[in-house]
Amino acid sequence: MPEQHRTKDILIGVMTIAMIVVGVTFYVYKNLRTTSQTASSTVAQEPQKTDFGTSVSSDFPTDIPIEEGVQVDQSYGLNYVEQKQLTIVFLSTKTVEDNYALYADFLEKQNWNVVNKYESTKLSSFYATKESNDINVTISGNSLATSTKSQVSISVLKKL
């Protein structure tokens, strides 16, 4: 009899441990799943777009040179979590080379840290940072029109 009693006690102990392990596993799984769903819903948020049409946003930095008399082709803002991107696109009467020189000079004089740059006769670009802002300037040749020689796209990312 004592051996049966001992076997019964061992069986009860094993069952208790098994139930505790199942309970802890369920609790951890449930919490991880809730945390994962919360994190993925935060990451998956789409930015809110504001279209300014052919007008430059009042939030667009005024110190960035924009060619006089040009028509803005696109102007929009994208609001991300703790970040705001403002973009303008316009057709320029200047060549890719002339615009490259203009923006290289601007970035240097305004103490932007140029992280990446590319220069060619048909396409040139800059990516630079300054404090909590980033800027991307892309200049592409425009062979379709006679009055414009290039297209300039400027995006500024402000980290809030």
Protein backbone atom coordinates (compact mmCIF):
# COMPACT_ATOMS: atom_id res chain seq x y z
CA MET A 1 0.00 0.00 0.00
CA PRO A 2 2.67 2.57 0.79
CA GLU A 3 4.07 2.12 -2.71
CA GLN A 4 0.64 2.79 -4.26
CA HIS A 5 0.29 5.87 -2.08
CA ARG A 6 3.74 7.04 -3.14
CA THR A 7 2.91 6.49 -6.83
CA LYS A 8 -0.34 8.39 -6.36
CA ASP A 9 1.55 11.33 -4.73
CA ILE A 10 4.09 11.39 -7.57
CA LEU A 11 1.30 11.33 -10.16
CA ILE A 12 -0.50 14.22 -8.42
CA GLY A 13 2.78 16.17 -8.26
CA VAL A 14 3.50 15.62 -11.97
CA MET A 15 -0.08 16.63 -12.88
CA THR A 16 0.22 19.80 -10.77
CA ILE A 17 3.52 20.76 -12.40
CA ALA A 18 2.06 20.05 -15.86
CA MET A 19 -0.95 22.29 -15.13
CA ILE A 20 1.34 25.09 -13.91
CA VAL A 21 3.50 24.80 -17.05
CA VAL A 22 0.39 24.91 -19.29
CA GLY A 23 -0.97 27.91 -17.38
CA VAL A 24 2.30 29.85 -17.57
CA THR A 25 2.69 28.98 -21.26
CA PHE A 26 -0.85 30.21 -22.00
CA TYR A 27 -0.27 33.43 -20.01
CA VAL A 28 3.05 34.19 -21.79
CA TYR A 29 1.59 33.36 -25.23
CA LYS A 30 -1.42 35.62 -24.63
CA ASN A 31 0.78 38.55 -23.50
CA LEU A 32 3.23 38.14 -26.38
CA ARG A 33 0.37 38.04 -28.86
CA THR A 34 -1.20 41.21 -27.43
CA THR A 35 2.17 43.00 -27.44
CA SER A 36 2.86 41.85 -31.00
CA GLN A 37 -0.54 43.06 -32.23
CA THR A 38 -0.04 46.45 -30.58
CA ALA A 39 3.45 46.82 -32.08
CA SER A 40 2.35 45.78 -35.57
CA SER A 41 -0.60 48.18 -35.55
CA THR A 42 1.76 51.03 -34.61
CA VAL A 43 4.27 50.13 -37.33
CA ALA A 44 1.63 49.61 -40.02
CA GLN A 45 0.09 53.08 -39.72
CA GLU A 46 0.00 54.80 -43.07
CA PRO A 47 1.20 58.38 -43.23
CA GLN A 48 -1.45 61.02 -43.69
CA LYS A 49 -0.97 62.89 -46.97
CA THR A 50 -1.84 66.54 -47.45
CA ASP A 51 -1.83 67.70 -51.07
CA PHE A 52 -0.95 71.38 -51.58
CA GLY A 53 -1.47 71.23 -55.35
CA THR A 54 0.76 73.79 -57.06
CA SER A 55 1.36 75.89 -53.92
CA VAL A 56 4.32 75.49 -51.62
CA SER A 57 3.31 74.55 -48.08
CA SER A 58 3.67 77.31 -45.51
CA ASP A 59 5.71 74.78 -43.45
CA PHE A 60 8.26 74.30 -46.23
CA PRO A 61 11.60 75.84 -45.16
CA THR A 62 11.93 79.30 -46.69
CA ASP A 63 15.73 79.22 -46.80
CA ILE A 64 15.79 76.44 -49.44
CA PRO A 65 16.24 78.04 -52.88
CA ILE A 66 13.39 77.62 -55.33
CA GLU A 67 13.84 79.07 -58.79
CA GLU A 68 11.97 82.35 -59.30
CA GLY A 69 8.93 82.26 -61.59
CA VAL A 70 8.65 78.49 -61.87
CA GLN A 71 5.37 76.66 -61.60
CA VAL A 72 5.32 74.09 -58.81
CA ASP A 73 4.26 70.80 -60.36
CA GLN A 74 3.64 68.90 -57.08
CA SER A 75 3.55 69.91 -53.46
CA TYR A 76 2.53 67.65 -50.61
CA GLY A 77 3.18 66.69 -47.02
CA LEU A 78 3.27 63.28 -45.37
CA ASN A 79 2.69 63.09 -41.63
CA TYR A 80 4.33 60.09 -40.01
CA VAL A 81 4.54 59.28 -36.31
CA GLU A 82 6.84 62.00 -34.90
CA GLN A 83 8.00 63.00 -38.41
CA LYS A 84 6.74 65.23 -41.20
CA GLN A 85 7.90 65.12 -44.81
CA LEU A 86 7.34 68.08 -47.13
CA THR A 87 7.98 67.66 -50.86
CA ILE A 88 7.91 70.01 -53.84
CA VAL A 89 8.60 69.23 -57.48
CA PHE A 90 9.08 71.88 -60.16
CA LEU A 91 10.35 72.23 -63.71
CA SER A 92 13.46 74.37 -64.02
CA THR A 93 14.90 76.45 -66.82
CA LYS A 94 18.37 75.62 -65.48
CA THR A 95 20.39 72.57 -66.48
CA VAL A 96 21.06 69.62 -64.20
CA GLU A 97 24.62 70.89 -63.76
CA ASP A 98 23.50 74.43 -62.84
CA ASN A 99 20.99 73.17 -60.28
CA TYR A 100 23.55 70.75 -58.85
CA ALA A 101 25.96 73.65 -58.29
CA LEU A 102 23.18 75.77 -56.74
CA TYR A 103 22.13 73.11 -54.21
CA ALA A 104 25.71 72.02 -53.46
CA ASP A 105 26.52 75.63 -52.59
CA PHE A 106 23.32 76.02 -50.53
CA LEU A 107 23.94 72.84 -48.50
CA GLU A 108 27.54 73.81 -47.80
CA LYS A 109 26.74 77.41 -46.78
CA GLN A 110 23.86 76.30 -44.55
CA ASN A 111 26.06 73.69 -42.81
CA TRP A 112 24.14 70.62 -43.94
CA ASN A 113 26.06 67.35 -43.58
CA VAL A 114 25.97 65.76 -47.05
CA VAL A 115 25.69 62.03 -46.46
CA ASN A 116 25.35 60.96 -50.08
CA LYS A 117 25.60 62.67 -53.44
CA TYR A 118 25.55 61.68 -57.09
CA GLU A 119 26.35 63.83 -60.10
CA SER A 120 25.88 63.19 -63.81
CA THR A 121 24.62 65.18 -66.78
CA LYS A 122 21.17 63.54 -66.71
CA LEU A 123 20.56 62.89 -63.02
CA SER A 124 22.05 64.29 -59.83
CA SER A 125 21.08 64.09 -56.18
CA PHE A 126 21.97 64.98 -52.62
CA TYR A 127 20.98 63.48 -49.30
CA ALA A 128 21.96 65.57 -46.28
CA THR A 129 21.18 65.94 -42.57
CA LYS A 130 21.18 68.89 -40.20
CA GLU A 131 20.08 68.75 -36.56
CA SER A 132 16.75 66.87 -36.63
CA ASN A 133 16.09 67.40 -40.36
CA ASP A 134 16.94 65.47 -43.51
CA ILE A 135 16.85 66.76 -47.07
CA ASN A 136 16.81 64.94 -50.38
CA VAL A 137 17.31 66.92 -53.60
CA THR A 138 16.96 65.10 -56.92
CA ILE A 139 17.57 66.84 -60.25
CA SER A 140 16.75 65.06 -63.48
CA GLY A 141 17.13 66.13 -67.09
CA ASN A 142 13.97 67.02 -68.98
CA SER A 143 14.39 66.19 -72.66
CA LEU A 144 10.67 66.42 -73.48
CA ALA A 145 10.22 70.18 -73.18
CA THR A 146 12.19 72.96 -74.82
CA SER A 147 11.52 75.67 -72.22
CA THR A 148 12.55 73.58 -69.22
CA LYS A 149 15.86 71.84 -68.90
CA SER A 150 15.44 69.86 -65.69
CA GLN A 151 13.04 68.76 -63.00
CA VAL A 152 13.88 69.42 -59.34
CA SER A 153 12.39 67.44 -56.47
CA ILE A 154 13.08 68.54 -52.91
CA SER A 155 11.93 66.56 -49.88
CA VAL A 156 12.54 67.71 -46.33
CA LEU A 157 11.97 65.38 -43.40
CA LYS A 158 11.39 67.14 -40.09
CA LYS A 159 11.70 64.94 -37.03
CA LEU A 160 9.34 66.26 -34.40
